[in-house]
Amino acid sequence: MTSRAPPVLVLLVLVCAARSATAGTIEQHATYQACLAAPSTCTRLDLDQIRLTGSIPSELGNITSLMYMDLDDNQLIGTIPTELAALTVLTYMRLSRNQLSGTVPGELASLVGLTYLNLFGNNLVGTIPKELAALTRLTWLDIPNNQLTGSIPSELASLTRLNRMMLYLNQLTGTLPSELGAL
């Protein structure tokens, strides 16, 4: 008589094995392919913590119905595509804990419905774009642990709905703009 592992244990082993294996690129992921096939109906792209490699494809900007995008804690490289500015109904964007480089695109200011923006723990350089002040629905802005330089734009004071703004572990200079004291 052969003993069998309980079905729950087998499922747990399969899930753990899937999490520990490299998932390939975003383009190879079935969820991304399904979203590209139906760009006007895909509202959620949740690909966090699955060891994705490669860059963020610019074609992601074609999924115009996307409201939620989570690419946190992968091994993504390259720049943040400016084409993401076409995702005008996006409310949640988490690109944290990758190896993204380049600047924070000012074009992200087109994401007027965005309430959550997290770029924590990448290799982003340059200044914080003052254009981000157009994101007036933003409640969460996290850009710490990058290599950003320059001063904090006083224009960010227009983000009156902010509950959290984290900018630490960058190379920012100057003082905190007094306009931000009203937030």
Protein backbone atom coordinates (compact mmCIF):
# COMPACT_ATOMS: atom_id res chain seq x y z
CA MET A 1 0.00 0.00 0.00
CA THR A 2 1.45 3.36 -1.05
CA SER A 3 0.99 6.36 1.20
CA ARG A 4 0.05 9.66 -0.42
CA ALA A 5 0.63 13.16 0.84
CA PRO A 6 -2.53 15.04 1.74
CA PRO A 7 -3.70 17.27 -1.15
CA VAL A 8 -3.16 20.44 0.89
CA LEU A 9 0.51 19.61 1.40
CA VAL A 10 1.01 18.96 -2.31
CA LEU A 11 -0.56 22.31 -3.16
CA LEU A 12 1.65 24.11 -0.64
CA VAL A 13 4.77 22.53 -2.15
CA LEU A 14 3.69 23.60 -5.65
CA VAL A 15 3.04 27.19 -4.56
CA CYS A 16 6.39 27.42 -2.77
CA ALA A 17 8.20 25.98 -5.78
CA ALA A 18 6.52 28.50 -8.08
CA ARG A 19 7.54 31.40 -5.81
CA SER A 20 11.17 30.28 -5.64
CA ALA A 21 11.65 29.76 -9.38
CA THR A 22 12.51 32.60 -11.71
CA ALA A 23 9.32 33.63 -13.47
CA GLY A 24 10.96 35.00 -16.62
CA THR A 25 10.02 38.35 -18.09
CA ILE A 26 6.78 40.28 -17.82
CA GLU A 27 6.10 39.57 -21.52
CA GLN A 28 6.25 35.81 -20.84
CA HIS A 29 3.77 35.92 -17.97
CA ALA A 30 0.27 34.62 -18.76
CA THR A 31 -1.45 37.41 -16.80
CA TYR A 32 0.34 40.08 -18.85
CA GLN A 33 -0.47 38.27 -22.11
CA ALA A 34 -4.14 38.08 -21.12
CA CYS A 35 -4.16 41.81 -20.39
CA LEU A 36 -2.57 42.60 -23.76
CA ALA A 37 -5.19 40.43 -25.47
CA ALA A 38 -8.02 42.37 -23.78
CA PRO A 39 -6.58 45.84 -23.05
CA SER A 40 -9.97 47.50 -22.65
CA THR A 41 -11.17 45.09 -19.95
CA CYS A 42 -8.04 44.25 -17.94
CA THR A 43 -8.10 46.28 -14.72
CA ARG A 44 -5.47 44.55 -12.57
CA LEU A 45 -1.88 43.44 -13.15
CA ASP A 46 -0.56 41.90 -9.94
CA LEU A 47 2.90 40.42 -10.57
CA ASP A 48 4.67 41.13 -7.29
CA GLN A 49 7.33 38.94 -5.69
CA ILE A 50 7.68 36.38 -8.48
CA ARG A 51 11.28 37.10 -9.55
CA LEU A 52 10.49 38.69 -12.88
CA THR A 53 13.53 39.76 -14.87
CA GLY A 54 14.05 42.10 -17.79
CA SER A 55 12.49 45.52 -18.24
CA ILE A 56 8.98 46.92 -17.99
CA PRO A 57 7.59 46.71 -21.53
CA SER A 58 6.42 49.99 -23.05
CA GLU A 59 3.40 48.09 -24.43
CA LEU A 60 2.08 48.05 -20.87
CA GLY A 61 0.87 51.56 -21.66
CA ASN A 62 -1.62 50.04 -24.14
CA ILE A 63 -3.64 48.40 -21.35
CA THR A 64 -5.72 51.54 -20.93
CA SER A 65 -8.29 50.05 -18.54
CA LEU A 66 -5.59 49.16 -15.99
CA MET A 67 -6.43 50.49 -12.53
CA TYR A 68 -4.00 48.46 -10.38
CA MET A 69 -0.38 47.60 -11.22
CA ASP A 70 1.89 45.85 -8.74
CA LEU A 71 5.37 44.82 -9.91
CA ASP A 72 6.96 45.00 -6.45
CA ASP A 73 9.97 42.95 -5.37
CA ASN A 74 11.15 41.47 -8.64
CA GLN A 75 14.43 41.86 -10.50
CA LEU A 76 13.27 44.36 -13.11
CA ILE A 77 15.86 46.61 -14.76
CA GLY A 78 15.83 49.54 -17.13
CA THR A 79 13.83 52.73 -17.00
CA ILE A 80 10.21 53.42 -16.15
CA PRO A 81 8.58 53.66 -19.59
CA THR A 82 7.03 57.04 -20.35
CA GLU A 83 4.26 55.13 -22.15
CA LEU A 84 2.80 54.32 -18.73
CA ALA A 85 1.46 57.89 -18.79
CA ALA A 86 -1.33 56.55 -21.04
CA LEU A 87 -2.79 54.60 -18.09
CA THR A 88 -5.04 57.48 -17.11
CA VAL A 89 -7.44 55.38 -14.98
CA LEU A 90 -4.61 53.83 -12.95
CA THR A 91 -5.08 54.37 -9.21
CA TYR A 92 -2.33 52.11 -7.79
CA MET A 93 1.26 51.77 -9.04
CA ARG A 94 3.89 49.86 -7.09
CA LEU A 95 7.26 49.40 -8.79
CA SER A 96 9.24 49.17 -5.56
CA ARG A 97 12.18 46.89 -4.74
CA ASN A 98 13.48 46.31 -8.23
CA GLN A 99 16.60 47.56 -9.98
CA LEU A 100 14.98 50.27 -12.08
CA SER A 101 17.26 53.07 -13.24
CA GLY A 102 16.94 56.40 -14.97
CA THR A 103 14.75 59.24 -13.79
CA VAL A 104 11.24 59.41 -12.39
CA PRO A 105 9.36 60.38 -15.56
CA GLY A 106 7.54 63.69 -15.32
CA GLU A 107 5.01 62.14 -17.71
CA LEU A 108 3.58 60.21 -14.75
CA ALA A 109 1.75 63.47 -13.98
CA SER A 110 -0.80 62.32 -16.59
CA LEU A 111 -1.98 59.63 -14.16
CA VAL A 112 -4.50 62.01 -12.62
CA GLY A 113 -6.45 59.22 -10.87
CA LEU A 114 -3.38 57.85 -9.09
CA THR A 115 -3.77 57.56 -5.32
CA TYR A 116 -0.77 55.30 -4.58
CA LEU A 117 2.74 55.62 -6.06
CA ASN A 118 5.59 53.53 -4.66
CA LEU A 119 9.04 53.57 -6.29
CA PHE A 120 10.96 52.59 -3.13
CA GLY A 121 14.29 50.78 -3.38
CA ASN A 122 15.38 51.17 -6.98
CA ASN A 123 18.33 52.98 -8.58
CA LEU A 124 16.43 56.06 -9.74
CA VAL A 125 18.46 59.22 -10.30
CA GLY A 126 17.79 62.87 -11.07
CA THR A 127 15.37 65.15 -9.33
CA ILE A 128 11.83 64.64 -8.08
CA PRO A 129 9.72 65.98 -10.96
CA LYS A 130 7.66 69.01 -9.95
CA GLU A 131 5.06 67.74 -12.44
CA LEU A 132 4.03 65.13 -9.85
CA ALA A 133 2.14 67.99 -8.18
CA ALA A 134 -0.60 67.34 -10.76
CA LEU A 135 -1.41 64.06 -9.01
CA THR A 136 -3.88 65.75 -6.68
CA ARG A 137 -5.61 62.49 -5.68
CA LEU A 138 -2.35 61.01 -4.40
CA THR A 139 -2.53 59.79 -0.78
CA TRP A 140 0.69 57.74 -0.74
CA LEU A 141 4.01 58.82 -2.29
CA ASP A 142 7.03 56.63 -1.58
CA ILE A 143 10.31 57.27 -3.42
CA PRO A 144 12.88 56.49 -0.70
CA ASN A 145 16.09 54.48 -1.05
CA ASN A 146 17.03 55.66 -4.53
CA GLN A 147 19.72 58.06 -5.71
CA LEU A 148 17.57 61.16 -6.22
CA THR A 149 19.28 64.54 -5.98
CA GLY A 150 18.26 68.18 -5.80
CA SER A 151 15.65 69.72 -3.58
CA ILE A 152 12.10 68.69 -2.77
CA PRO A 153 9.80 70.64 -5.11
CA SER A 154 7.59 73.10 -3.25
CA GLU A 155 4.89 72.33 -5.84
CA LEU A 156 4.24 69.05 -4.00
CA ALA A 157 2.33 71.14 -1.45
CA SER A 158 -0.63 70.91 -3.83
CA LEU A 159 -0.91 67.22 -2.91
CA THR A 160 -3.34 68.00 -0.09
CA ARG A 161 -4.65 64.42 0.17
CA LEU A 162 -1.24 62.95 1.03
CA ASN A 163 -1.19 60.78 4.14
CA ARG A 164 2.34 59.53 3.54
CA MET A 165 5.34 60.93 1.69
CA MET A 166 8.62 59.07 2.14
CA LEU A 167 11.77 60.43 0.50
CA TYR A 168 14.53 59.24 2.86
CA LEU A 169 17.77 57.51 1.77
CA ASN A 170 18.25 59.69 -1.28
CA GLN A 171 20.79 62.44 -1.84
CA LEU A 172 18.34 65.32 -1.59
CA THR A 173 19.66 68.74 -0.61
CA GLY A 174 18.22 71.89 0.87
CA THR A 175 15.51 72.30 3.45
CA LEU A 176 11.99 71.02 3.49
CA PRO A 177 9.85 73.60 1.65
CA SER A 178 7.68 75.49 4.13
CA GLU A 179 4.70 74.98 1.81
CA LEU A 180 4.78 71.28 2.69
CA GLY A 181 4.19 72.13 6.35
CA ALA A 182 0.50 72.66 5.59
CA LEU A 183 -0.03 69.07 4.50
